[in-house]
Amino acid sequence: MSPADLIPLLLLAVVFFLLIIRPMRARQKQYTELRQMQDALQPGARVMISSGIHGTVQSLADETIDLEVAPGVVITVARAAVAEVIDPQA
């Protein structure tokens, strides 16, 4: 087998890496950062859940949070539903 015969195989490996492996690593990193943010939640934090509802964290459990969405209105949602922490300075 000559070196010229290996070029298509090498190109296929590079394309596989660029189209499959790299995006998978980026998604894994994004998921890890999201989980760290969800694990670091504290009462009083303003958050937005994945459905777009904004509220203030009232209390935390292992898998759920109590979220005040209006004065006196508290809902319980899965911790995994928190999409982002809202910066109070914004």
PDB file of N, CA and C in Angstrom:
ATOM      1  N   MET A   1       0.849  -1.176   0.000  1.00  0.00           N
ATOM      2  CA  MET A   1       0.000   0.000   0.000  1.00  0.00           C
ATOM      3  C   MET A   1       0.895   1.239   0.000  1.00  0.00           C
ATOM      4  N   SER A   2       0.704   2.080  -0.969  1.00  0.00           N
ATOM      5  CA  SER A   2       1.527   3.277  -1.088  1.00  0.00           C
ATOM      6  C   SER A   2       0.942   4.410  -0.239  1.00  0.00           C
ATOM      7  N   PRO A   3       1.754   5.402   0.064  1.00  0.00           N
ATOM      8  CA  PRO A   3       1.252   6.539   0.843  1.00  0.00           C
ATOM      9  C   PRO A   3       0.084   7.256   0.159  1.00  0.00           C
ATOM     10  N   ALA A   4       0.052   7.250  -1.149  1.00  0.00           N
ATOM     11  CA  ALA A   4      -1.040   7.903  -1.876  1.00  0.00           C
ATOM     12  C   ALA A   4      -2.371   7.202  -1.627  1.00  0.00           C
ATOM     13  N   ASP A   5      -2.335   5.907  -1.338  1.00  0.00           N
ATOM     14  CA  ASP A   5      -3.559   5.159  -1.053  1.00  0.00           C
ATOM     15  C   ASP A   5      -4.138   5.518   0.317  1.00  0.00           C
ATOM     16  N   LEU A   6      -3.313   6.038   1.200  1.00  0.00           N
ATOM     17  CA  LEU A   6      -3.761   6.384   2.547  1.00  0.00           C
ATOM     18  C   LEU A   6      -4.405   7.770   2.629  1.00  0.00           C
ATOM     19  N   ILE A   7      -4.193   8.600   1.633  1.00  0.00           N
ATOM     20  CA  ILE A   7      -4.723   9.967   1.663  1.00  0.00           C
ATOM     21  C   ILE A   7      -6.247   9.997   1.781  1.00  0.00           C
ATOM     22  N   PRO A   8      -7.007   9.237   0.990  1.00  0.00           N
ATOM     23  CA  PRO A   8      -8.472   9.267   1.158  1.00  0.00           C
ATOM     24  C   PRO A   8      -8.925   8.810   2.549  1.00  0.00           C
ATOM     25  N   LEU A   9      -8.244   7.809   3.091  1.00  0.00           N
ATOM     26  CA  LEU A   9      -8.586   7.328   4.426  1.00  0.00           C
ATOM     27  C   LEU A   9      -8.290   8.402   5.474  1.00  0.00           C
ATOM     28  N   LEU A  10      -7.184   9.079   5.320  1.00  0.00           N
ATOM     29  CA  LEU A  10      -6.822  10.157   6.232  1.00  0.00           C
ATOM     30  C   LEU A  10      -7.819  11.319   6.133  1.00  0.00           C
ATOM     31  N   LEU A  11      -8.212  11.665   4.922  1.00  0.00           N
ATOM     32  CA  LEU A  11      -9.204  12.726   4.735  1.00  0.00           C
ATOM     33  C   LEU A  11     -10.539  12.345   5.359  1.00  0.00           C
ATOM     34  N   LEU A  12     -10.928  11.099   5.233  1.00  0.00           N
ATOM     35  CA  LEU A  12     -12.170  10.625   5.834  1.00  0.00           C
ATOM     36  C   LEU A  12     -12.106  10.736   7.356  1.00  0.00           C
ATOM     37  N   ALA A  13     -10.964  10.401   7.939  1.00  0.00           N
ATOM     38  CA  ALA A  13     -10.800  10.502   9.388  1.00  0.00           C
ATOM     39  C   ALA A  13     -10.893  11.960   9.845  1.00  0.00           C
ATOM     40  N   VAL A  14     -10.303  12.879   9.096  1.00  0.00           N
ATOM     41  CA  VAL A  14     -10.353  14.299   9.445  1.00  0.00           C
ATOM     42  C   VAL A  14     -11.786  14.822   9.355  1.00  0.00           C
ATOM     43  N   VAL A  15     -12.497  14.456   8.298  1.00  0.00           N
ATOM     44  CA  VAL A  15     -13.888  14.886   8.141  1.00  0.00           C
ATOM     45  C   VAL A  15     -14.741  14.323   9.271  1.00  0.00           C
ATOM     46  N   PHE A  16     -14.539  13.066   9.631  1.00  0.00           N
ATOM     47  CA  PHE A  16     -15.275  12.447  10.733  1.00  0.00           C
ATOM     48  C   PHE A  16     -15.043  13.227  12.019  1.00  0.00           C
ATOM     49  N   PHE A  17     -13.792  13.577  12.282  1.00  0.00           N
ATOM     50  CA  PHE A  17     -13.475  14.332  13.492  1.00  0.00           C
ATOM     51  C   PHE A  17     -14.167  15.691  13.492  1.00  0.00           C
ATOM     52  N   LEU A  18     -14.095  16.397  12.372  1.00  0.00           N
ATOM     53  CA  LEU A  18     -14.659  17.748  12.304  1.00  0.00           C
ATOM     54  C   LEU A  18     -16.181  17.760  12.370  1.00  0.00           C
ATOM     55  N   LEU A  19     -16.833  16.751  11.817  1.00  0.00           N
ATOM     56  CA  LEU A  19     -18.294  16.741  11.766  1.00  0.00           C
ATOM     57  C   LEU A  19     -18.958  16.031  12.938  1.00  0.00           C
ATOM     58  N   ILE A  20     -18.255  15.122  13.585  1.00  0.00           N
ATOM     59  CA  ILE A  20     -18.867  14.323  14.649  1.00  0.00           C
ATOM     60  C   ILE A  20     -18.248  14.612  16.017  1.00  0.00           C
ATOM     61  N   ILE A  21     -16.973  14.431  16.151  1.00  0.00           N
ATOM     62  CA  ILE A  21     -16.305  14.476  17.455  1.00  0.00           C
ATOM     63  C   ILE A  21     -16.256  15.895  18.023  1.00  0.00           C
ATOM     64  N   ARG A  22     -15.841  16.879  17.237  1.00  0.00           N
ATOM     65  CA  ARG A  22     -15.725  18.249  17.752  1.00  0.00           C
ATOM     66  C   ARG A  22     -17.043  18.830  18.237  1.00  0.00           C
ATOM     67  N   PRO A  23     -18.126  18.729  17.453  1.00  0.00           N
ATOM     68  CA  PRO A  23     -19.406  19.248  17.964  1.00  0.00           C
ATOM     69  C   PRO A  23     -19.878  18.522  19.224  1.00  0.00           C
ATOM     70  N   MET A  24     -19.599  17.230  19.309  1.00  0.00           N
ATOM     71  CA  MET A  24     -19.996  16.468  20.489  1.00  0.00           C
ATOM     72  C   MET A  24     -19.252  16.984  21.724  1.00  0.00           C
ATOM     73  N   ARG A  25     -17.987  17.292  21.579  1.00  0.00           N
ATOM     74  CA  ARG A  25     -17.214  17.842  22.699  1.00  0.00           C
ATOM     75  C   ARG A  25     -17.748  19.212  23.118  1.00  0.00           C
ATOM     76  N   ALA A  26     -18.122  20.030  22.143  1.00  0.00           N
ATOM     77  CA  ALA A  26     -18.660  21.358  22.456  1.00  0.00           C
ATOM     78  C   ALA A  26     -19.984  21.243  23.206  1.00  0.00           C
ATOM     79  N   ARG A  27     -20.863  20.315  22.782  1.00  0.00           N
ATOM     80  CA  ARG A  27     -22.133  20.116  23.484  1.00  0.00           C
ATOM     81  C   ARG A  27     -21.900  19.618  24.898  1.00  0.00           C
ATOM     82  N   GLN A  28     -20.929  18.723  25.081  1.00  0.00           N
ATOM     83  CA  GLN A  28     -20.626  18.199  26.409  1.00  0.00           C
ATOM     84  C   GLN A  28     -20.126  19.316  27.322  1.00  0.00           C
ATOM     85  N   LYS A  29     -19.286  20.202  26.801  1.00  0.00           N
ATOM     86  CA  LYS A  29     -18.782  21.327  27.590  1.00  0.00           C
ATOM     87  C   LYS A  29     -19.928  22.262  27.976  1.00  0.00           C
ATOM     88  N   GLN A  30     -20.826  22.546  27.030  1.00  0.00           N
ATOM     89  CA  GLN A  30     -21.973  23.412  27.297  1.00  0.00           C
ATOM     90  C   GLN A  30     -22.875  22.790  28.359  1.00  0.00           C
ATOM     91  N   TYR A  31     -23.106  21.483  28.282  1.00  0.00           N
ATOM     92  CA  TYR A  31     -23.932  20.781  29.266  1.00  0.00           C
ATOM     93  C   TYR A  31     -23.285  20.851  30.646  1.00  0.00           C
ATOM     94  N   THR A  32     -21.980  20.661  30.717  1.00  0.00           N
ATOM     95  CA  THR A  32     -21.266  20.708  31.990  1.00  0.00           C
ATOM     96  C   THR A  32     -21.381  22.095  32.625  1.00  0.00           C
ATOM     97  N   GLU A  33     -21.218  23.143  31.823  1.00  0.00           N
ATOM     98  CA  GLU A  33     -21.340  24.508  32.346  1.00  0.00           C
ATOM     99  C   GLU A  33     -22.756  24.785  32.847  1.00  0.00           C
ATOM    100  N   LEU A  34     -23.767  24.285  32.141  1.00  0.00           N
ATOM    101  CA  LEU A  34     -25.158  24.472  32.555  1.00  0.00           C
ATOM    102  C   LEU A  34     -25.421  23.764  33.878  1.00  0.00           C
ATOM    103  N   ARG A  35     -24.932  22.539  34.027  1.00  0.00           N
ATOM    104  CA  ARG A  35     -25.119  21.791  35.278  1.00  0.00           C
ATOM    105  C   ARG A  35     -24.422  22.491  36.441  1.00  0.00           C
ATOM    106  N   GLN A  36     -23.237  23.033  36.214  1.00  0.00           N
ATOM    107  CA  GLN A  36     -22.527  23.749  37.273  1.00  0.00           C
ATOM    108  C   GLN A  36     -23.315  24.980  37.708  1.00  0.00           C
ATOM    109  N   MET A  37     -23.900  25.696  36.747  1.00  0.00           N
ATOM    110  CA  MET A  37     -24.711  26.869  37.067  1.00  0.00           C
ATOM    111  C   MET A  37     -25.935  26.448  37.873  1.00  0.00           C
ATOM    112  N   GLN A  38     -26.590  25.358  37.476  1.00  0.00           N
ATOM    113  CA  GLN A  38     -27.778  24.883  38.184  1.00  0.00           C
ATOM    114  C   GLN A  38     -27.427  24.406  39.591  1.00  0.00           C
ATOM    115  N   ASP A  39     -26.281  23.776  39.748  1.00  0.00           N
ATOM    116  CA  ASP A  39     -25.861  23.296  41.066  1.00  0.00           C
ATOM    117  C   ASP A  39     -25.463  24.441  42.000  1.00  0.00           C
ATOM    118  N   ALA A  40     -25.065  25.588  41.435  1.00  0.00           N
ATOM    119  CA  ALA A  40     -24.607  26.720  42.242  1.00  0.00           C
ATOM    120  C   ALA A  40     -25.736  27.686  42.600  1.00  0.00           C
ATOM    121  N   LEU A  41     -26.973  27.369  42.261  1.00  0.00           N
ATOM    122  CA  LEU A  41     -28.094  28.270  42.557  1.00  0.00           C
ATOM    123  C   LEU A  41     -28.223  28.511  44.055  1.00  0.00           C
ATOM    124  N   GLN A  42     -28.599  29.737  44.403  1.00  0.00           N
ATOM    125  CA  GLN A  42     -28.805  30.123  45.791  1.00  0.00           C
ATOM    126  C   GLN A  42     -30.152  30.832  45.904  1.00  0.00           C
ATOM    127  N   PRO A  43     -30.800  30.745  47.071  1.00  0.00           N
ATOM    128  CA  PRO A  43     -32.039  31.505  47.262  1.00  0.00           C
ATOM    129  C   PRO A  43     -31.796  32.995  47.021  1.00  0.00           C
ATOM    130  N   GLY A  44     -32.758  33.635  46.370  1.00  0.00           N
ATOM    131  CA  GLY A  44     -32.642  35.047  46.052  1.00  0.00           C
ATOM    132  C   GLY A  44     -32.163  35.316  44.637  1.00  0.00           C
ATOM    133  N   ALA A  45     -31.653  34.304  43.963  1.00  0.00           N
ATOM    134  CA  ALA A  45     -31.162  34.492  42.594  1.00  0.00           C
ATOM    135  C   ALA A  45     -32.331  34.662  41.633  1.00  0.00           C
ATOM    136  N   ARG A  46     -32.187  35.613  40.705  1.00  0.00           N
ATOM    137  CA  ARG A  46     -33.186  35.781  39.643  1.00  0.00           C
ATOM    138  C   ARG A  46     -32.806  34.841  38.513  1.00  0.00           C
ATOM    139  N   VAL A  47     -33.758  34.032  38.057  1.00  0.00           N
ATOM    140  CA  VAL A  47     -33.476  33.050  37.017  1.00  0.00           C
ATOM    141  C   VAL A  47     -34.558  33.078  35.945  1.00  0.00           C
ATOM    142  N   MET A  48     -34.228  32.487  34.806  1.00  0.00           N
ATOM    143  CA  MET A  48     -35.213  32.237  33.759  1.00  0.00           C
ATOM    144  C   MET A  48     -35.195  30.740  33.498  1.00  0.00           C
ATOM    145  N   ILE A  49     -36.372  30.115  33.506  1.00  0.00           N
ATOM    146  CA  ILE A  49     -36.433  28.689  33.221  1.00  0.00           C
ATOM    147  C   ILE A  49     -36.605  28.486  31.717  1.00  0.00           C
ATOM    148  N   SER A  50     -36.473  27.259  31.266  1.00  0.00           N
ATOM    149  CA  SER A  50     -36.453  26.968  29.833  1.00  0.00           C
ATOM    150  C   SER A  50     -37.723  27.380  29.106  1.00  0.00           C
ATOM    151  N   SER A  51     -38.829  27.520  29.799  1.00  0.00           N
ATOM    152  CA  SER A  51     -40.074  27.950  29.155  1.00  0.00           C
ATOM    153  C   SER A  51     -40.173  29.468  29.042  1.00  0.00           C
ATOM    154  N   GLY A  52     -39.180  30.191  29.569  1.00  0.00           N
ATOM    155  CA  GLY A  52     -39.161  31.643  29.468  1.00  0.00           C
ATOM    156  C   GLY A  52     -39.718  32.365  30.679  1.00  0.00           C
ATOM    157  N   ILE A  53     -40.140  31.629  31.695  1.00  0.00           N
ATOM    158  CA  ILE A  53     -40.681  32.246  32.907  1.00  0.00           C
ATOM    159  C   ILE A  53     -39.533  32.760  33.771  1.00  0.00           C
ATOM    160  N   HIS A  54     -39.661  33.998  34.222  1.00  0.00           N
ATOM    161  CA  HIS A  54     -38.660  34.608  35.099  1.00  0.00           C
ATOM    162  C   HIS A  54     -39.172  34.559  36.531  1.00  0.00           C
ATOM    163  N   GLY A  55     -38.256  34.412  37.472  1.00  0.00           N
ATOM    164  CA  GLY A  55     -38.646  34.408  38.869  1.00  0.00           C
ATOM    165  C   GLY A  55     -37.440  34.464  39.779  1.00  0.00           C
ATOM    166  N   THR A  56     -37.722  34.444  41.083  1.00  0.00           N
ATOM    167  CA  THR A  56     -36.688  34.488  42.109  1.00  0.00           C
ATOM    168  C   THR A  56     -36.700  33.174  42.870  1.00  0.00           C
ATOM    169  N   VAL A  57     -35.522  32.579  43.028  1.00  0.00           N
ATOM    170  CA  VAL A  57     -35.411  31.311  43.749  1.00  0.00           C
ATOM    171  C   VAL A  57     -35.738  31.552  45.220  1.00  0.00           C
ATOM    172  N   GLN A  58     -36.705  30.808  45.748  1.00  0.00           N
ATOM    173  CA  GLN A  58     -37.093  30.914  47.155  1.00  0.00           C
ATOM    174  C   GLN A  58     -36.419  29.838  47.994  1.00  0.00           C
ATOM    175  N   SER A  59     -36.440  28.596  47.493  1.00  0.00           N
ATOM    176  CA  SER A  59     -35.794  27.500  48.222  1.00  0.00           C
ATOM    177  C   SER A  59     -35.357  26.437  47.232  1.00  0.00           C
ATOM    178  N   LEU A  60     -34.438  25.598  47.694  1.00  0.00           N
ATOM    179  CA  LEU A  60     -33.843  24.571  46.847  1.00  0.00           C
ATOM    180  C   LEU A  60     -34.001  23.201  47.477  1.00  0.00           C
ATOM    181  N   ALA A  61     -34.244  22.201  46.643  1.00  0.00           N
ATOM    182  CA  ALA A  61     -34.197  20.801  47.051  1.00  0.00           C
ATOM    183  C   ALA A  61     -33.200  20.117  46.115  1.00  0.00           C
ATOM    184  N   ASP A  62     -33.024  18.813  46.276  1.00  0.00           N
ATOM    185  CA  ASP A  62     -32.051  18.110  45.437  1.00  0.00           C
ATOM    186  C   ASP A  62     -32.363  18.253  43.950  1.00  0.00           C
ATOM    187  N   GLU A  63     -33.602  18.020  43.572  1.00  0.00           N
ATOM    188  CA  GLU A  63     -33.976  18.017  42.160  1.00  0.00           C
ATOM    189  C   GLU A  63     -34.935  19.131  41.765  1.00  0.00           C
ATOM    190  N   THR A  64     -35.438  19.910  42.724  1.00  0.00           N
ATOM    191  CA  THR A  64     -36.420  20.950  42.421  1.00  0.00           C
ATOM    192  C   THR A  64     -36.030  22.275  43.065  1.00  0.00           C
ATOM    193  N   ILE A  65     -36.665  23.345  42.584  1.00  0.00           N
ATOM    194  CA  ILE A  65     -36.536  24.651  43.219  1.00  0.00           C
ATOM    195  C   ILE A  65     -37.931  25.252  43.327  1.00  0.00           C
ATOM    196  N   ASP A  66     -38.127  26.065  44.350  1.00  0.00           N
ATOM    197  CA  ASP A  66     -39.352  26.846  44.472  1.00  0.00           C
ATOM    198  C   ASP A  66     -39.031  28.228  43.927  1.00  0.00           C
ATOM    199  N   LEU A  67     -39.839  28.653  42.960  1.00  0.00           N
ATOM    200  CA  LEU A  67     -39.583  29.880  42.231  1.00  0.00           C
ATOM    201  C   LEU A  67     -40.754  30.837  42.410  1.00  0.00           C
ATOM    202  N   GLU A  68     -40.478  32.033  42.936  1.00  0.00           N
ATOM    203  CA  GLU A  68     -41.526  33.049  43.074  1.00  0.00           C
ATOM    204  C   GLU A  68     -41.604  33.816  41.759  1.00  0.00           C
ATOM    205  N   VAL A  69     -42.746  33.681  41.073  1.00  0.00           N
ATOM    206  CA  VAL A  69     -42.910  34.307  39.760  1.00  0.00           C
ATOM    207  C   VAL A  69     -43.704  35.606  39.827  1.00  0.00           C
ATOM    208  N   ALA A  70     -44.400  35.831  40.918  1.00  0.00           N
ATOM    209  CA  ALA A  70     -45.140  37.068  41.188  1.00  0.00           C
ATOM    210  C   ALA A  70     -45.250  37.160  42.700  1.00  0.00           C
ATOM    211  N   PRO A  71     -45.516  38.329  43.246  1.00  0.00           N
ATOM    212  CA  PRO A  71     -45.629  38.433  44.704  1.00  0.00           C
ATOM    213  C   PRO A  71     -46.654  37.433  45.252  1.00  0.00           C
ATOM    214  N   GLY A  72     -46.176  36.525  46.097  1.00  0.00           N
ATOM    215  CA  GLY A  72     -47.037  35.527  46.717  1.00  0.00           C
ATOM    216  C   GLY A  72     -47.336  34.309  45.858  1.00  0.00           C
ATOM    217  N   VAL A  73     -46.812  34.249  44.631  1.00  0.00           N
ATOM    218  CA  VAL A  73     -47.056  33.110  43.740  1.00  0.00           C
ATOM    219  C   VAL A  73     -45.757  32.324  43.592  1.00  0.00           C
ATOM    220  N   VAL A  74     -45.735  31.116  44.160  1.00  0.00           N
ATOM    221  CA  VAL A  74     -44.539  30.281  44.135  1.00  0.00           C
ATOM    222  C   VAL A  74     -44.861  28.996  43.383  1.00  0.00           C
ATOM    223  N   ILE A  75     -44.002  28.658  42.414  1.00  0.00           N
ATOM    224  CA  ILE A  75     -44.156  27.404  41.681  1.00  0.00           C
ATOM    225  C   ILE A  75     -42.937  26.535  41.947  1.00  0.00           C
ATOM    226  N   THR A  76     -43.132  25.237  41.843  1.00  0.00           N
ATOM    227  CA  THR A  76     -42.032  24.292  42.002  1.00  0.00           C
ATOM    228  C   THR A  76     -41.668  23.755  40.625  1.00  0.00           C
ATOM    229  N   VAL A  77     -40.404  23.876  40.271  1.00  0.00           N
ATOM    230  CA  VAL A  77     -39.933  23.403  38.969  1.00  0.00           C
ATOM    231  C   VAL A  77     -38.689  22.545  39.164  1.00  0.00           C
ATOM    232  N   ALA A  78     -38.397  21.744  38.163  1.00  0.00           N
ATOM    233  CA  ALA A  78     -37.178  20.934  38.190  1.00  0.00           C
ATOM    234  C   ALA A  78     -35.964  21.853  38.112  1.00  0.00           C
ATOM    235  N   ARG A  79     -34.948  21.520  38.853  1.00  0.00           N
ATOM    236  CA  ARG A  79     -33.711  22.307  38.832  1.00  0.00           C
ATOM    237  C   ARG A  79     -33.140  22.359  37.414  1.00  0.00           C
ATOM    238  N   ALA A  80     -33.310  21.264  36.673  1.00  0.00           N
ATOM    239  CA  ALA A  80     -32.793  21.186  35.306  1.00  0.00           C
ATOM    240  C   ALA A  80     -33.510  22.140  34.357  1.00  0.00           C
ATOM    241  N   ALA A  81     -34.658  22.690  34.765  1.00  0.00           N
ATOM    242  CA  ALA A  81     -35.398  23.624  33.908  1.00  0.00           C
ATOM    243  C   ALA A  81     -34.783  25.015  33.904  1.00  0.00           C
ATOM    244  N   VAL A  82     -33.880  25.298  34.824  1.00  0.00           N
ATOM    245  CA  VAL A  82     -33.268  26.629  34.885  1.00  0.00           C
ATOM    246  C   VAL A  82     -32.323  26.782  33.698  1.00  0.00           C
ATOM    247  N   ALA A  83     -32.633  27.759  32.845  1.00  0.00           N
ATOM    248  CA  ALA A  83     -31.838  27.981  31.641  1.00  0.00           C
ATOM    249  C   ALA A  83     -30.718  28.988  31.870  1.00  0.00           C
ATOM    250  N   GLU A  84     -30.983  30.004  32.698  1.00  0.00           N
ATOM    251  CA  GLU A  84     -29.934  30.990  32.967  1.00  0.00           C
ATOM    252  C   GLU A  84     -30.238  31.780  34.227  1.00  0.00           C
ATOM    253  N   VAL A  85     -29.175  32.299  34.812  1.00  0.00           N
ATOM    254  CA  VAL A  85     -29.292  33.202  35.952  1.00  0.00           C
ATOM    255  C   VAL A  85     -29.284  34.610  35.377  1.00  0.00           C
ATOM    256  N   ILE A  86     -30.267  35.421  35.786  1.00  0.00           N
ATOM    257  CA  ILE A  86     -30.393  36.786  35.277  1.00  0.00           C
ATOM    258  C   ILE A  86     -29.493  37.704  36.092  1.00  0.00           C
ATOM    259  N   ASP A  87     -28.659  38.460  35.411  1.00  0.00           N
ATOM    260  CA  ASP A  87     -27.748  39.398  36.066  1.00  0.00           C
ATOM    261  C   ASP A  87     -28.557  40.570  36.611  1.00  0.00           C
ATOM    262  N   PRO A  88     -28.494  40.822  37.921  1.00  0.00           N
ATOM    263  CA  PRO A  88     -29.282  41.919  38.488  1.00  0.00           C
ATOM    264  C   PRO A  88     -28.821  43.293  38.002  1.00  0.00           C
ATOM    265  N   GLN A  89     -27.611  43.395  37.478  1.00  0.00           N
ATOM    266  CA  GLN A  89     -27.083  44.671  36.992  1.00  0.00           C
ATOM    267  C   GLN A  89     -27.617  45.023  35.610  1.00  0.00           C
ATOM    268  N   ALA A  90     -28.171  44.033  34.904  1.00  0.00           N
ATOM    269  CA  ALA A  90     -28.628  44.270  33.518  1.00  0.00           C
ATOM    270  C   ALA A  90     -29.948  44.992  33.478  1.00  0.00           C
TER     271      ALA A  90
END
